[in-house]
Structure formats: structure tokens, C-alpha cells
Amino acid sequence: MLPILENALEYLNYSNKHFHGAHHARIKNLHQGNLIFKLEYRCHPSISSGESNHLAVDAALRFLKCAGFDLSPAQSESEFRTNHPARVAHRLSLAKEFGVLKSLNDTEIRKLQNSVQQIILEEHEILLKAGELKDSIYIVTEGRLLVQATDNNENKPTVLAKVWPGDVLGEMSLLTGEPHSASIISETRSSLLKIPKSDIA
């Protein structure tokens, strides 16, 4: 859980100009079988502690849900890490509220659960190359990816954006039928849900 929470704090630093500097997620203590976590971050004094706490907890909840935690009764590490189809389907039902699939109803999500596949990318592994046309969309559930473009002279790639848990990749290519305009590369070890274009249709 600590890497997921650290990534949520990194997301705050990246997406909100009022957050900056060092951040840490720590285990504070164990109380009656429950782990208690502490999130430490820095933000501008113009943000109240209540607002900053809300933003930090909101990011943490988003990232934990995308990773498959339902935040109800305790789950063991082995249950969390399994690639069993039921756990992958569970991740889709939790992650769908953050992305392009939120317009689908529960029946439509259940249909997609039969074909969703979890994929793992190692650090610096390429998911999509500019100019390719893939037949799937991807929902990020853990980790962080980079959207990169390379100029015509094949110089060093330029990072256009970062992609976080809950974000969807490949949907524009899916809608337009055009090849991907940029490359997507994992910045950290990442987990994604892959949904074939035919099933989305």
C-alpha cells in the first residue's frame, strides 16, 4: 500500500501547484489489527489544513480503489496481488468511476468484466508507440506512465504529460480510428486493465 499512497502524493505535487516538495507515506501504527497510515506533504499556506487533507485523502482513495482495494474488511497481501479474473473484474468495477467508462451502467460493466485483462509493465516499458493503431483501451490501476513525443529529427523525447491511476489510454484512437499521436511509456512499474475495442463497441 505504501507505494500506492506515495504515488497519490506524487500526483498531488504534479497536478496541484499549491503542493510542492518532499512527501511521504508511512505506517503510523497497528491498532486492533488495523494499519494506520500517515500522509506527510507540503503545500502553500493559502490552502487550509482541512482542504489539503481532503485533497490528499481523495487522491489516496482514488489510487487505492484503482488498485482494487474496496476499503471494507481487511484483505491479505496475497488476495490483493492475485491476477485471478474475479479480482481483475473487481478492479474494473472500482476504477470505472474515474474514467471514460463512468457513463456505463452496472450491466454493461459486467459484460466488459468477462473480457478485461490485467497487464503489468516494468519501468521504462513501452505500452503504445506513436503511429501505432491498437485494438484496445487501457485503464491505469497502479503506477505512473509518461506521454512522450519525438520530433522529426528523432531527438530526445519530450514529456507531454503524466498518466495516473484512473486515467484511460487509447480512447481517442478508439473513437477516431487514427493511430496514436504519442508514445506511452511506464515511468514506474505499472498495472493496467486492457479492454478490447470490439467489447467496447
N, C-alpha and C. Protein backbone atom coordinates (compact mmCIF):
# COMPACT_ATOMS: atom_id res chain seq x y z
N MET A 1 0.81 -1.20 0.00
CA MET A 1 0.00 0.00 0.00
C MET A 1 0.85 1.27 0.00
N LEU A 2 2.03 1.20 0.61
CA LEU A 2 2.85 2.41 0.70
C LEU A 2 3.22 2.99 -0.67
N PRO A 3 3.64 2.16 -1.65
CA PRO A 3 3.93 2.74 -2.97
C PRO A 3 2.70 3.39 -3.62
N ILE A 4 1.52 2.84 -3.38
CA ILE A 4 0.30 3.42 -3.93
C ILE A 4 0.03 4.78 -3.30
N LEU A 5 0.20 4.87 -1.99
CA LEU A 5 -0.02 6.14 -1.30
C LEU A 5 1.04 7.17 -1.67
N GLU A 6 2.30 6.71 -1.82
CA GLU A 6 3.36 7.63 -2.27
C GLU A 6 3.03 8.19 -3.66
N ASN A 7 2.53 7.33 -4.52
CA ASN A 7 2.17 7.76 -5.87
C ASN A 7 1.03 8.78 -5.84
N ALA A 8 0.08 8.60 -4.90
CA ALA A 8 -1.02 9.56 -4.77
C ALA A 8 -0.49 10.93 -4.36
N LEU A 9 0.50 10.96 -3.47
CA LEU A 9 1.10 12.24 -3.07
C LEU A 9 1.90 12.85 -4.21
N GLU A 10 2.57 12.00 -5.00
CA GLU A 10 3.29 12.50 -6.17
C GLU A 10 2.31 13.14 -7.17
N TYR A 11 1.15 12.52 -7.30
CA TYR A 11 0.09 13.06 -8.17
C TYR A 11 -0.34 14.45 -7.70
N LEU A 12 -0.49 14.63 -6.39
CA LEU A 12 -0.86 15.95 -5.87
C LEU A 12 0.20 16.99 -6.22
N ASN A 13 1.47 16.63 -6.05
CA ASN A 13 2.56 17.55 -6.39
C ASN A 13 2.53 17.91 -7.87
N TYR A 14 2.20 16.94 -8.71
CA TYR A 14 2.20 17.15 -10.16
C TYR A 14 0.99 17.95 -10.62
N SER A 15 -0.18 17.68 -10.03
CA SER A 15 -1.42 18.24 -10.57
C SER A 15 -1.90 19.51 -9.88
N ASN A 16 -1.35 19.82 -8.72
CA ASN A 16 -1.83 20.99 -7.98
C ASN A 16 -0.64 21.88 -7.62
N LYS A 17 -0.62 23.08 -8.16
CA LYS A 17 0.54 23.97 -7.97
C LYS A 17 0.75 24.37 -6.52
N HIS A 18 -0.25 24.18 -5.67
CA HIS A 18 -0.13 24.54 -4.27
C HIS A 18 0.61 23.48 -3.44
N PHE A 19 0.79 22.28 -4.03
CA PHE A 19 1.54 21.22 -3.35
C PHE A 19 2.95 21.17 -3.93
N HIS A 20 3.95 21.00 -3.08
CA HIS A 20 5.34 21.02 -3.56
C HIS A 20 6.26 20.33 -2.56
N GLY A 21 7.42 19.97 -3.02
CA GLY A 21 8.46 19.48 -2.12
C GLY A 21 8.29 18.03 -1.70
N ALA A 22 8.96 17.73 -0.60
CA ALA A 22 9.01 16.34 -0.10
C ALA A 22 7.63 15.87 0.36
N HIS A 23 7.41 14.58 0.20
CA HIS A 23 6.18 13.95 0.70
C HIS A 23 6.49 12.51 1.07
N HIS A 24 5.74 11.98 2.03
CA HIS A 24 5.99 10.61 2.49
C HIS A 24 4.68 9.97 2.93
N ALA A 25 4.58 8.69 2.69
CA ALA A 25 3.50 7.87 3.25
C ALA A 25 4.17 6.89 4.21
N ARG A 26 3.66 6.82 5.41
CA ARG A 26 4.28 5.97 6.43
C ARG A 26 3.21 5.16 7.14
N ILE A 27 3.63 4.03 7.71
CA ILE A 27 2.76 3.29 8.61
C ILE A 27 2.95 3.90 9.99
N LYS A 28 1.86 4.45 10.54
CA LYS A 28 1.95 5.11 11.84
C LYS A 28 1.96 4.09 12.97
N ASN A 29 0.98 3.18 12.94
CA ASN A 29 0.97 2.10 13.93
C ASN A 29 -0.06 1.04 13.54
N LEU A 30 -0.10 0.01 14.35
CA LEU A 30 -1.05 -1.09 14.18
C LEU A 30 -1.95 -1.08 15.40
N HIS A 31 -3.25 -0.94 15.18
CA HIS A 31 -4.19 -0.84 16.29
C HIS A 31 -5.34 -1.82 16.08
N GLN A 32 -5.45 -2.81 16.95
CA GLN A 32 -6.51 -3.82 16.89
C GLN A 32 -6.62 -4.45 15.52
N GLY A 33 -5.48 -4.79 14.96
CA GLY A 33 -5.44 -5.46 13.66
C GLY A 33 -5.56 -4.54 12.47
N ASN A 34 -5.68 -3.23 12.68
CA ASN A 34 -5.79 -2.28 11.58
C ASN A 34 -4.51 -1.46 11.45
N LEU A 35 -4.01 -1.35 10.24
CA LEU A 35 -2.87 -0.47 9.99
C LEU A 35 -3.36 0.97 9.89
N ILE A 36 -2.65 1.87 10.54
CA ILE A 36 -2.97 3.29 10.45
C ILE A 36 -1.83 3.96 9.70
N PHE A 37 -2.18 4.67 8.63
CA PHE A 37 -1.18 5.31 7.77
C PHE A 37 -1.14 6.81 8.04
N LYS A 38 0.01 7.39 7.80
CA LYS A 38 0.20 8.83 7.94
C LYS A 38 0.72 9.38 6.62
N LEU A 39 0.04 10.37 6.07
CA LEU A 39 0.46 11.02 4.83
C LEU A 39 1.08 12.37 5.19
N GLU A 40 2.31 12.58 4.77
CA GLU A 40 3.00 13.84 5.04
C GLU A 40 3.27 14.54 3.72
N TYR A 41 2.96 15.81 3.64
CA TYR A 41 3.14 16.57 2.40
C TYR A 41 3.32 18.04 2.75
N ARG A 42 3.74 18.81 1.76
CA ARG A 42 3.89 20.26 1.92
C ARG A 42 2.98 20.96 0.92
N CYS A 43 2.35 22.03 1.40
CA CYS A 43 1.51 22.80 0.49
C CYS A 43 1.57 24.27 0.90
N HIS A 44 1.11 25.11 0.02
CA HIS A 44 1.12 26.55 0.24
C HIS A 44 0.16 26.91 1.39
N PRO A 45 0.53 27.87 2.24
CA PRO A 45 -0.34 28.22 3.38
C PRO A 45 -1.70 28.80 2.98
N SER A 46 -1.88 29.14 1.70
CA SER A 46 -3.19 29.65 1.27
C SER A 46 -4.25 28.55 1.28
N ILE A 47 -3.82 27.30 1.33
CA ILE A 47 -4.77 26.18 1.41
C ILE A 47 -4.94 25.82 2.89
N SER A 48 -6.18 25.74 3.34
CA SER A 48 -6.42 25.38 4.73
C SER A 48 -6.03 23.92 4.97
N SER A 49 -5.78 23.57 6.21
CA SER A 49 -5.41 22.18 6.51
C SER A 49 -6.56 21.24 6.16
N GLY A 50 -7.82 21.70 6.37
CA GLY A 50 -8.96 20.86 6.01
C GLY A 50 -9.02 20.59 4.52
N GLU A 51 -8.78 21.62 3.70
CA GLU A 51 -8.81 21.45 2.23
C GLU A 51 -7.66 20.57 1.76
N SER A 52 -6.46 20.80 2.30
CA SER A 52 -5.32 19.98 1.87
C SER A 52 -5.50 18.53 2.29
N ASN A 53 -6.04 18.31 3.49
CA ASN A 53 -6.31 16.94 3.93
C ASN A 53 -7.33 16.27 3.02
N HIS A 54 -8.36 17.01 2.65
CA HIS A 54 -9.38 16.47 1.75
C HIS A 54 -8.76 16.06 0.40
N LEU A 55 -7.93 16.92 -0.16
CA LEU A 55 -7.30 16.62 -1.44
C LEU A 55 -6.38 15.41 -1.34
N ALA A 56 -5.62 15.31 -0.25
CA ALA A 56 -4.71 14.17 -0.07
C ALA A 56 -5.48 12.87 0.12
N VAL A 57 -6.51 12.89 0.94
CA VAL A 57 -7.31 11.68 1.17
C VAL A 57 -8.05 11.29 -0.10
N ASP A 58 -8.57 12.27 -0.84
CA ASP A 58 -9.27 11.99 -2.09
C ASP A 58 -8.35 11.30 -3.10
N ALA A 59 -7.12 11.80 -3.23
CA ALA A 59 -6.15 11.17 -4.14
C ALA A 59 -5.81 9.76 -3.67
N ALA A 60 -5.61 9.60 -2.36
CA ALA A 60 -5.28 8.27 -1.82
C ALA A 60 -6.42 7.28 -2.07
N LEU A 61 -7.66 7.70 -1.85
CA LEU A 61 -8.80 6.82 -2.08
C LEU A 61 -8.93 6.44 -3.55
N ARG A 62 -8.73 7.41 -4.44
CA ARG A 62 -8.79 7.12 -5.89
C ARG A 62 -7.77 6.06 -6.26
N PHE A 63 -6.53 6.23 -5.80
CA PHE A 63 -5.47 5.31 -6.19
C PHE A 63 -5.67 3.93 -5.56
N LEU A 64 -6.16 3.89 -4.31
CA LEU A 64 -6.41 2.59 -3.66
C LEU A 64 -7.57 1.86 -4.35
N LYS A 65 -8.62 2.59 -4.72
CA LYS A 65 -9.73 1.95 -5.43
C LYS A 65 -9.27 1.39 -6.77
N CYS A 66 -8.48 2.17 -7.50
CA CYS A 66 -8.00 1.70 -8.80
C CYS A 66 -7.13 0.45 -8.66
N ALA A 67 -6.43 0.34 -7.53
CA ALA A 67 -5.58 -0.83 -7.29
C ALA A 67 -6.38 -2.03 -6.81
N GLY A 68 -7.69 -1.86 -6.62
CA GLY A 68 -8.53 -3.00 -6.26
C GLY A 68 -8.92 -3.08 -4.81
N PHE A 69 -8.54 -2.10 -3.99
CA PHE A 69 -8.95 -2.10 -2.60
C PHE A 69 -10.37 -1.56 -2.50
N ASP A 70 -11.26 -2.33 -1.86
CA ASP A 70 -12.62 -1.83 -1.67
C ASP A 70 -12.77 -1.12 -0.33
N LEU A 71 -11.70 -1.07 0.46
CA LEU A 71 -11.64 -0.30 1.70
C LEU A 71 -12.72 -0.71 2.69
N SER A 72 -13.20 -1.94 2.56
CA SER A 72 -14.07 -2.50 3.57
C SER A 72 -13.28 -3.55 4.34
N PRO A 73 -13.79 -4.70 4.70
CA PRO A 73 -13.00 -5.63 5.53
C PRO A 73 -11.60 -5.91 4.98
N ALA A 74 -10.69 -6.20 5.90
CA ALA A 74 -9.27 -6.35 5.58
C ALA A 74 -9.03 -7.38 4.49
N GLN A 75 -8.04 -7.11 3.64
CA GLN A 75 -7.62 -8.03 2.59
C GLN A 75 -6.17 -8.40 2.83
N SER A 76 -5.84 -9.63 2.57
CA SER A 76 -4.44 -10.05 2.73
C SER A 76 -3.65 -9.63 1.50
N GLU A 77 -2.34 -9.58 1.65
CA GLU A 77 -1.46 -9.21 0.52
C GLU A 77 -1.64 -10.19 -0.63
N SER A 78 -1.83 -11.48 -0.34
CA SER A 78 -1.98 -12.46 -1.41
C SER A 78 -3.28 -12.23 -2.17
N GLU A 79 -4.35 -11.83 -1.45
CA GLU A 79 -5.61 -11.54 -2.14
C GLU A 79 -5.46 -10.32 -3.04
N PHE A 80 -4.72 -9.32 -2.56
CA PHE A 80 -4.56 -8.08 -3.31
C PHE A 80 -3.76 -8.29 -4.58
N ARG A 81 -2.72 -9.11 -4.54
CA ARG A 81 -1.79 -9.24 -5.67
C ARG A 81 -2.23 -10.25 -6.72
N THR A 82 -3.22 -11.04 -6.44
CA THR A 82 -3.58 -12.09 -7.38
C THR A 82 -4.11 -11.53 -8.69
N ASN A 83 -3.87 -12.25 -9.78
CA ASN A 83 -4.40 -11.87 -11.09
C ASN A 83 -5.65 -12.68 -11.43
N HIS A 84 -6.26 -13.27 -10.41
CA HIS A 84 -7.47 -14.06 -10.61
C HIS A 84 -8.52 -13.19 -11.31
N PRO A 85 -9.26 -13.78 -12.28
CA PRO A 85 -10.24 -12.99 -13.04
C PRO A 85 -11.23 -12.22 -12.17
N ALA A 86 -11.65 -12.80 -11.04
CA ALA A 86 -12.60 -12.11 -10.18
C ALA A 86 -11.98 -10.84 -9.60
N ARG A 87 -10.69 -10.87 -9.26
CA ARG A 87 -10.03 -9.69 -8.71
C ARG A 87 -9.83 -8.63 -9.81
N VAL A 88 -9.52 -9.07 -11.03
CA VAL A 88 -9.36 -8.13 -12.14
C VAL A 88 -10.69 -7.46 -12.43
N ALA A 89 -11.78 -8.22 -12.43
CA ALA A 89 -13.11 -7.66 -12.65
C ALA A 89 -13.47 -6.67 -11.54
N HIS A 90 -13.06 -7.00 -10.32
CA HIS A 90 -13.32 -6.11 -9.19
C HIS A 90 -12.60 -4.77 -9.39
N ARG A 91 -11.37 -4.83 -9.89
CA ARG A 91 -10.63 -3.59 -10.16
C ARG A 91 -11.38 -2.73 -11.18
N LEU A 92 -11.94 -3.36 -12.20
CA LEU A 92 -12.67 -2.61 -13.22
C LEU A 92 -13.89 -1.92 -12.60
N SER A 93 -14.62 -2.63 -11.75
CA SER A 93 -15.82 -2.04 -11.15
C SER A 93 -15.48 -0.85 -10.26
N LEU A 94 -14.29 -0.86 -9.62
CA LEU A 94 -13.89 0.25 -8.77
C LEU A 94 -13.27 1.39 -9.57
N ALA A 95 -12.48 1.05 -10.60
CA ALA A 95 -11.77 2.08 -11.38
C ALA A 95 -12.67 2.80 -12.37
N LYS A 96 -13.79 2.20 -12.72
CA LYS A 96 -14.62 2.78 -13.78
C LYS A 96 -15.19 4.14 -13.41
N GLU A 97 -15.29 4.44 -12.12
CA GLU A 97 -15.88 5.73 -11.73
C GLU A 97 -14.97 6.91 -12.04
N PHE A 98 -13.69 6.65 -12.36
CA PHE A 98 -12.76 7.75 -12.58
C PHE A 98 -12.52 8.05 -14.06
N GLY A 99 -12.90 7.16 -14.96
CA GLY A 99 -12.53 7.34 -16.35
C GLY A 99 -13.71 7.43 -17.29
N VAL A 100 -13.41 7.16 -18.56
CA VAL A 100 -14.39 7.30 -19.63
C VAL A 100 -15.53 6.29 -19.50
N LEU A 101 -15.32 5.22 -18.73
CA LEU A 101 -16.35 4.19 -18.61
C LEU A 101 -17.44 4.53 -17.60
N LYS A 102 -17.32 5.68 -16.92
CA LYS A 102 -18.30 6.00 -15.87
C LYS A 102 -19.70 6.20 -16.43
N SER A 103 -19.82 6.38 -17.74
CA SER A 103 -21.16 6.53 -18.34
C SER A 103 -21.86 5.18 -18.49
N LEU A 104 -21.14 4.07 -18.30
CA LEU A 104 -21.74 2.75 -18.46
C LEU A 104 -22.49 2.35 -17.19
N ASN A 105 -23.57 1.59 -17.37
CA ASN A 105 -24.30 1.11 -16.20
C ASN A 105 -23.69 -0.20 -15.71
N ASP A 106 -24.20 -0.72 -14.59
CA ASP A 106 -23.63 -1.92 -13.97
C ASP A 106 -23.71 -3.15 -14.89
N THR A 107 -24.79 -3.26 -15.65
CA THR A 107 -24.94 -4.40 -16.57
C THR A 107 -23.87 -4.36 -17.66
N GLU A 108 -23.62 -3.17 -18.19
CA GLU A 108 -22.59 -3.02 -19.24
C GLU A 108 -21.20 -3.29 -18.69
N ILE A 109 -20.95 -2.85 -17.46
CA ILE A 109 -19.64 -3.12 -16.84
C ILE A 109 -19.46 -4.62 -16.62
N ARG A 110 -20.53 -5.31 -16.20
CA ARG A 110 -20.42 -6.77 -16.00
C ARG A 110 -20.09 -7.48 -17.31
N LYS A 111 -20.63 -6.98 -18.44
CA LYS A 111 -20.30 -7.57 -19.74
C LYS A 111 -18.82 -7.39 -20.06
N LEU A 112 -18.29 -6.21 -19.75
CA LEU A 112 -16.87 -5.95 -20.01
C LEU A 112 -15.96 -6.79 -19.11
N GLN A 113 -16.43 -7.10 -17.92
CA GLN A 113 -15.60 -7.84 -16.97
C GLN A 113 -15.19 -9.21 -17.50
N ASN A 114 -15.97 -9.76 -18.42
CA ASN A 114 -15.65 -11.08 -18.97
C ASN A 114 -14.44 -11.04 -19.89
N SER A 115 -14.11 -9.86 -20.42
CA SER A 115 -13.02 -9.80 -21.39
C SER A 115 -11.85 -8.92 -20.94
N VAL A 116 -12.00 -8.25 -19.79
CA VAL A 116 -10.91 -7.39 -19.31
C VAL A 116 -9.71 -8.24 -18.90
N GLN A 117 -8.54 -7.69 -19.15
CA GLN A 117 -7.30 -8.42 -18.88
C GLN A 117 -6.34 -7.48 -18.16
N GLN A 118 -5.68 -7.98 -17.12
CA GLN A 118 -4.69 -7.15 -16.42
C GLN A 118 -3.33 -7.34 -17.05
N ILE A 119 -2.62 -6.23 -17.29
CA ILE A 119 -1.26 -6.32 -17.79
C ILE A 119 -0.33 -5.54 -16.86
N ILE A 120 0.88 -6.01 -16.74
CA ILE A 120 1.89 -5.38 -15.89
C ILE A 120 3.02 -4.87 -16.79
N LEU A 121 3.40 -3.62 -16.60
CA LEU A 121 4.53 -3.04 -17.32
C LEU A 121 5.65 -2.79 -16.33
N GLU A 122 6.86 -3.16 -16.70
CA GLU A 122 8.02 -2.83 -15.88
C GLU A 122 8.44 -1.39 -16.17
N GLU A 123 9.30 -0.86 -15.35
CA GLU A 123 9.77 0.50 -15.52
C GLU A 123 10.39 0.69 -16.91
N HIS A 124 10.03 1.76 -17.59
CA HIS A 124 10.50 2.15 -18.93
C HIS A 124 10.00 1.23 -20.05
N GLU A 125 9.01 0.42 -19.79
CA GLU A 125 8.44 -0.44 -20.83
C GLU A 125 7.43 0.36 -21.65
N ILE A 126 7.42 0.13 -22.96
CA ILE A 126 6.54 0.86 -23.87
C ILE A 126 5.18 0.17 -23.94
N LEU A 127 4.12 0.96 -23.73
CA LEU A 127 2.76 0.44 -23.89
C LEU A 127 2.26 0.71 -25.30
N LEU A 128 2.38 1.96 -25.75
CA LEU A 128 1.93 2.36 -27.08
C LEU A 128 3.02 3.18 -27.76
N LYS A 129 3.20 2.96 -29.05
CA LYS A 129 4.15 3.76 -29.83
C LYS A 129 3.39 4.72 -30.73
N ALA A 130 3.92 5.92 -30.88
CA ALA A 130 3.33 6.89 -31.80
C ALA A 130 3.26 6.26 -33.18
N GLY A 131 2.12 6.43 -33.86
CA GLY A 131 1.94 5.87 -35.19
C GLY A 131 1.29 4.49 -35.19
N GLU A 132 1.24 3.83 -34.03
CA GLU A 132 0.59 2.52 -33.93
C GLU A 132 -0.93 2.69 -33.83
N LEU A 133 -1.63 1.64 -34.19
CA LEU A 133 -3.08 1.60 -34.01
C LEU A 133 -3.39 0.32 -33.24
N LYS A 134 -3.71 0.46 -31.96
CA LYS A 134 -4.00 -0.70 -31.12
C LYS A 134 -5.50 -0.97 -31.12
N ASP A 135 -5.86 -2.18 -30.73
CA ASP A 135 -7.26 -2.57 -30.76
C ASP A 135 -7.88 -2.61 -29.36
N SER A 136 -7.29 -1.84 -28.42
CA SER A 136 -7.78 -1.86 -27.04
C SER A 136 -7.64 -0.49 -26.41
N ILE A 137 -8.37 -0.31 -25.30
CA ILE A 137 -8.10 0.83 -24.43
C ILE A 137 -7.52 0.28 -23.13
N TYR A 138 -6.90 1.16 -22.36
CA TYR A 138 -6.22 0.75 -21.13
C TYR A 138 -6.61 1.69 -20.00
N ILE A 139 -6.93 1.11 -18.84
CA ILE A 139 -7.20 1.90 -17.63
C ILE A 139 -6.03 1.66 -16.67
N VAL A 140 -5.39 2.73 -16.24
CA VAL A 140 -4.27 2.60 -15.30
C VAL A 140 -4.84 2.32 -13.92
N THR A 141 -4.33 1.26 -13.27
CA THR A 141 -4.78 0.93 -11.92
C THR A 141 -3.68 1.13 -10.88
N GLU A 142 -2.43 1.05 -11.29
CA GLU A 142 -1.31 1.31 -10.38
C GLU A 142 -0.15 1.89 -11.18
N GLY A 143 0.68 2.67 -10.51
CA GLY A 143 1.89 3.17 -11.14
C GLY A 143 1.69 4.51 -11.82
N ARG A 144 2.60 4.79 -12.76
CA ARG A 144 2.65 6.10 -13.41
C ARG A 144 3.28 5.91 -14.78
N LEU A 145 2.70 6.56 -15.81
CA LEU A 145 3.21 6.47 -17.16
C LEU A 145 3.46 7.86 -17.73
N LEU A 146 4.27 7.92 -18.79
CA LEU A 146 4.60 9.18 -19.45
C LEU A 146 4.04 9.19 -20.87
N VAL A 147 3.49 10.33 -21.27
CA VAL A 147 3.10 10.55 -22.67
C VAL A 147 4.25 11.31 -23.30
N GLN A 148 4.87 10.71 -24.32
CA GLN A 148 6.06 11.31 -24.92
C GLN A 148 5.89 11.51 -26.42
N ALA A 149 6.50 12.59 -26.91
CA ALA A 149 6.54 12.86 -28.35
C ALA A 149 7.99 13.03 -28.76
N THR A 150 8.32 12.59 -29.97
CA THR A 150 9.65 12.76 -30.52
C THR A 150 9.53 13.60 -31.78
N ASP A 151 10.42 14.59 -31.94
CA ASP A 151 10.33 15.43 -33.15
C ASP A 151 10.86 14.66 -34.36
N ASN A 152 10.75 15.27 -35.52
CA ASN A 152 11.14 14.61 -36.77
C ASN A 152 12.62 14.25 -36.83
N ASN A 153 13.44 14.95 -36.06
CA ASN A 153 14.88 14.67 -36.07
C ASN A 153 15.26 13.55 -35.12
N GLU A 154 14.24 12.91 -34.51
CA GLU A 154 14.46 11.79 -33.58
C GLU A 154 15.34 12.20 -32.40
N ASN A 155 15.18 13.44 -31.96
CA ASN A 155 15.92 13.88 -30.77
C ASN A 155 15.30 13.27 -29.52
N LYS A 156 15.83 13.68 -28.37
CA LYS A 156 15.34 13.18 -27.10
C LYS A 156 13.84 13.43 -26.99
N PRO A 157 13.06 12.44 -26.54
CA PRO A 157 11.61 12.61 -26.44
C PRO A 157 11.24 13.72 -25.44
N THR A 158 10.13 14.37 -25.72
CA THR A 158 9.59 15.41 -24.85
C THR A 158 8.42 14.82 -24.08
N VAL A 159 8.42 14.98 -22.76
CA VAL A 159 7.30 14.50 -21.95
C VAL A 159 6.16 15.52 -22.05
N LEU A 160 5.03 15.06 -22.57
CA LEU A 160 3.87 15.93 -22.74
C LEU A 160 2.96 15.91 -21.51
N ALA A 161 2.90 14.76 -20.85
CA ALA A 161 2.01 14.62 -19.69
C ALA A 161 2.37 13.35 -18.93
N LYS A 162 1.81 13.24 -17.74
CA LYS A 162 1.90 12.00 -16.97
C LYS A 162 0.51 11.40 -16.86
N VAL A 163 0.48 10.09 -16.73
CA VAL A 163 -0.78 9.35 -16.66
C VAL A 163 -0.83 8.63 -15.32
N TRP A 164 -1.98 8.71 -14.64
CA TRP A 164 -2.12 8.26 -13.26
C TRP A 164 -3.23 7.23 -13.13
N PRO A 165 -3.30 6.51 -12.00
CA PRO A 165 -4.41 5.58 -11.78
C PRO A 165 -5.77 6.25 -11.97
N GLY A 166 -6.64 5.57 -12.68
CA GLY A 166 -7.95 6.11 -13.03
C GLY A 166 -7.99 6.72 -14.41
N ASP A 167 -6.84 7.05 -14.99
CA ASP A 167 -6.80 7.62 -16.34
C ASP A 167 -6.94 6.51 -17.38
N VAL A 168 -7.50 6.88 -18.53
CA VAL A 168 -7.73 5.93 -19.62
C VAL A 168 -6.83 6.30 -20.79
N LEU A 169 -6.23 5.28 -21.41
CA LEU A 169 -5.33 5.48 -22.55
C LEU A 169 -5.92 4.81 -23.78
N GLY A 170 -5.76 5.46 -24.93
CA GLY A 170 -6.16 4.87 -26.19
C GLY A 170 -7.58 5.14 -26.61
N GLU A 171 -8.32 5.93 -25.81
CA GLU A 171 -9.73 6.13 -26.16
C GLU A 171 -9.91 7.02 -27.38
N MET A 172 -9.01 7.99 -27.60
CA MET A 172 -9.17 8.86 -28.78
C MET A 172 -8.91 8.08 -30.06
N SER A 173 -7.90 7.24 -30.05
CA SER A 173 -7.62 6.40 -31.21
C SER A 173 -8.78 5.44 -31.46
N LEU A 174 -9.39 4.97 -30.38
CA LEU A 174 -10.54 4.08 -30.49
C LEU A 174 -11.71 4.80 -31.16
N LEU A 175 -11.94 6.06 -30.79
CA LEU A 175 -13.08 6.82 -31.32
C LEU A 175 -12.85 7.29 -32.75
N THR A 176 -11.61 7.72 -33.06
CA THR A 176 -11.34 8.31 -34.37
C THR A 176 -10.84 7.31 -35.39
N GLY A 177 -10.28 6.19 -34.93
CA GLY A 177 -9.68 5.23 -35.84
C GLY A 177 -8.30 5.65 -36.32
N GLU A 178 -7.77 6.73 -35.76
CA GLU A 178 -6.45 7.24 -36.15
C GLU A 178 -5.37 6.60 -35.29
N PRO A 179 -4.14 6.49 -35.81
CA PRO A 179 -3.03 5.96 -35.00
C PRO A 179 -2.75 6.87 -33.81
N HIS A 180 -2.07 6.33 -32.82
CA HIS A 180 -1.71 7.10 -31.63
C HIS A 180 -0.74 8.21 -32.00
N SER A 181 -0.99 9.39 -31.47
CA SER A 181 -0.17 10.56 -31.82
C SER A 181 1.07 10.69 -30.95
N ALA A 182 1.15 9.93 -29.86
CA ALA A 182 2.31 9.99 -28.96
C ALA A 182 2.57 8.59 -28.41
N SER A 183 3.74 8.43 -27.84
CA SER A 183 4.09 7.15 -27.21
C SER A 183 3.76 7.20 -25.73
N ILE A 184 3.42 6.04 -25.17
CA ILE A 184 3.13 5.92 -23.74
C ILE A 184 4.14 4.94 -23.16
N ILE A 185 4.89 5.39 -22.16
CA ILE A 185 5.96 4.59 -21.56
C ILE A 185 5.79 4.60 -20.05
N SER A 186 5.99 3.46 -19.41
CA SER A 186 5.84 3.41 -17.95
C SER A 186 7.02 4.10 -17.28
N GLU A 187 6.71 4.98 -16.37
CA GLU A 187 7.75 5.65 -15.58
C GLU A 187 8.13 4.79 -14.38
N THR A 188 7.15 4.07 -13.84
CA THR A 188 7.37 3.13 -12.75
C THR A 188 6.71 1.81 -13.14
N ARG A 189 6.94 0.78 -12.36
CA ARG A 189 6.22 -0.47 -12.59
C ARG A 189 4.73 -0.16 -12.48
N SER A 190 3.96 -0.58 -13.46
CA SER A 190 2.56 -0.17 -13.55
C SER A 190 1.65 -1.34 -13.87
N SER A 191 0.41 -1.22 -13.44
CA SER A 191 -0.62 -2.21 -13.71
C SER A 191 -1.75 -1.52 -14.46
N LEU A 192 -2.26 -2.17 -15.51
CA LEU A 192 -3.34 -1.60 -16.31
C LEU A 192 -4.37 -2.67 -16.63
N LEU A 193 -5.60 -2.22 -16.88
CA LEU A 193 -6.65 -3.10 -17.36
C LEU A 193 -6.80 -2.86 -18.86
N LYS A 194 -6.75 -3.95 -19.62
CA LYS A 194 -6.85 -3.88 -21.08
C LYS A 194 -8.25 -4.36 -21.51
N ILE A 195 -8.93 -3.51 -22.28
CA ILE A 195 -10.28 -3.85 -22.75
C ILE A 195 -10.29 -3.76 -24.27
N PRO A 196 -10.59 -4.86 -24.96
CA PRO A 196 -10.57 -4.86 -26.43
C PRO A 196 -11.62 -3.91 -27.02
N LYS A 197 -11.26 -3.29 -28.14
CA LYS A 197 -12.13 -2.37 -28.86
C LYS A 197 -13.46 -3.02 -29.21
N SER A 198 -13.44 -4.28 -29.62
CA SER A 198 -14.68 -4.96 -30.03
C SER A 198 -15.66 -5.05 -28.85
N ASP A 199 -15.15 -5.24 -27.64
CA ASP A 199 -16.04 -5.32 -26.48
C ASP A 199 -16.58 -3.95 -26.10
N ILE A 200 -15.77 -2.91 -26.27
CA ILE A 200 -16.27 -1.55 -26.02
C ILE A 200 -17.39 -1.24 -27.01
N ALA A 201 -17.19 -1.63 -28.28
CA ALA A 201 -18.24 -1.39 -29.28
C ALA A 201 -19.52 -2.11 -28.92
